[in-house]
């Protein structure tokens, strides 16, 4: 009886030794279904924020941009709950105050700072929040560098 157990144990050890990990293959993304949900919420936020009010609608009809802000808020909430990093390019297109998508010309204005030509002011038209981003032609974001590898949200625009 003990000989059979030993043989089974040796077979298991041999199986463990023969398994090799392919290092050339990229690792599988965790929370793949949640990444799909975040992608959907981001695209829906941009779609609903960029929709203009129809001319037939009365001025008392609420715009659907509020739904876009709700989707942006849900996206940030889901990412925070799952401890998933959002891509910095995605973060720059969402307002920090009202969570609306910052679409230039529709929901935000983009202007160069008067005092210095090295800054861009992005103003949300819904909450009047101003976001200032620096301009440096030599600077690249940490996730745009080739040596950085991480689990961020890649969104198709």
Foldseek 3Di string as FASTA:
>chain_A
DVVVVVVVVVVVVVVVVPDDDDPVDDDDAPPVVLLVLLQVLLVQLVVQQQDDDDPVDDPVDDGSNLVSLVSLVVSVVSCVVVVAAADVVSVVQADPPSRHGQDDPRQWDWDQDPVDNQWIWIAGNPPRDIDIDGHDPPDDDPVVDPVDDDGYRDHDD
